[in-house]
Amino acid sequence: MIQVTVNGAAQRFDQPLAVSDLILQMALAGKKIAVEKNGEIVPKSAHGSTLVLDGDRLEIVAAVGGG
């Protein structure tokens, strides 16, 4: 079991997972988002290969359109 912080809230997962899997679990797939892991931006091209590990801190923000 791993524990990470996502947008300030503690989350637990059975095992490390890819950023892309976390995005799916959070129902954010297909949306315009930015992901920061431990203070570093994770490029969209690296979402599938970047693992979320125990103790990581993530910030995920979704773009909101409007005028």
Protein backbone atom coordinates (compact mmCIF):
# COMPACT_ATOMS: atom_id res chain seq x y z
CA MET A 1 0.00 0.00 0.00
CA ILE A 2 1.28 3.46 -0.87
CA GLN A 3 0.10 6.85 0.33
CA VAL A 4 0.37 9.97 -1.79
CA THR A 5 -1.01 13.49 -1.59
CA VAL A 6 -3.14 14.67 -4.51
CA ASN A 7 -4.23 18.32 -4.47
CA GLY A 8 -3.65 18.43 -0.73
CA ALA A 9 -5.65 15.29 0.10
CA ALA A 10 -4.17 11.97 1.19
CA GLN A 11 -4.88 9.08 -1.19
CA ARG A 12 -4.02 5.40 -0.79
CA PHE A 13 -3.37 2.90 -3.55
CA ASP A 14 -2.53 -0.80 -3.49
CA GLN A 15 0.68 -0.29 -5.45
CA PRO A 16 2.62 2.33 -7.42
CA LEU A 17 0.75 3.44 -10.55
CA ALA A 18 1.44 5.53 -13.62
CA VAL A 19 0.28 9.14 -13.72
CA SER A 20 -1.96 8.16 -16.65
CA ASP A 21 -3.69 5.52 -14.48
CA LEU A 22 -4.23 8.08 -11.71
CA ILE A 23 -5.79 10.44 -14.25
CA LEU A 24 -8.18 7.67 -15.33
CA GLN A 25 -9.14 6.91 -11.71
CA MET A 26 -9.86 10.59 -11.13
CA ALA A 27 -12.13 10.73 -14.23
CA LEU A 28 -9.89 13.36 -15.84
CA ALA A 29 -8.99 11.39 -18.99
CA GLY A 30 -9.41 13.48 -22.14
CA LYS A 31 -9.49 16.77 -20.27
CA LYS A 32 -6.89 19.51 -20.54
CA ILE A 33 -4.88 19.11 -17.36
CA ALA A 34 -1.46 19.87 -15.96
CA VAL A 35 0.27 17.50 -13.54
CA GLU A 36 3.00 18.44 -11.09
CA LYS A 37 4.81 15.72 -9.14
CA ASN A 38 6.98 16.76 -6.21
CA GLY A 39 7.29 20.28 -7.62
CA GLU A 40 8.18 19.23 -11.18
CA ILE A 41 5.82 19.42 -14.17
CA VAL A 42 5.16 16.01 -15.73
CA PRO A 43 4.87 16.43 -19.52
CA LYS A 44 1.82 14.78 -21.07
CA SER A 45 4.16 12.58 -23.12
CA ALA A 46 5.53 11.13 -19.84
CA HIS A 47 2.21 10.42 -18.08
CA GLY A 48 2.34 6.72 -19.05
CA SER A 49 5.94 6.21 -17.93
CA THR A 50 6.00 8.33 -14.75
CA LEU A 51 5.19 6.31 -11.64
CA VAL A 52 3.41 7.68 -8.60
CA LEU A 53 5.30 6.30 -5.59
CA ASP A 54 4.81 6.27 -1.83
CA GLY A 55 5.14 9.75 -0.36
CA ASP A 56 4.76 11.63 -3.66
CA ARG A 57 2.91 14.96 -3.71
CA LEU A 58 0.90 15.70 -6.83
CA GLU A 59 -1.03 18.73 -7.97
CA ILE A 60 -3.44 18.21 -10.85
CA VAL A 61 -5.23 21.18 -12.33
CA ALA A 62 -7.84 21.17 -15.11
CA ALA A 63 -8.22 24.01 -17.57
CA VAL A 64 -11.59 25.73 -17.43
CA GLY A 65 -12.89 27.45 -20.54
CA GLY A 66 -15.03 30.50 -20.56
CA GLY A 67 -15.18 34.04 -21.64
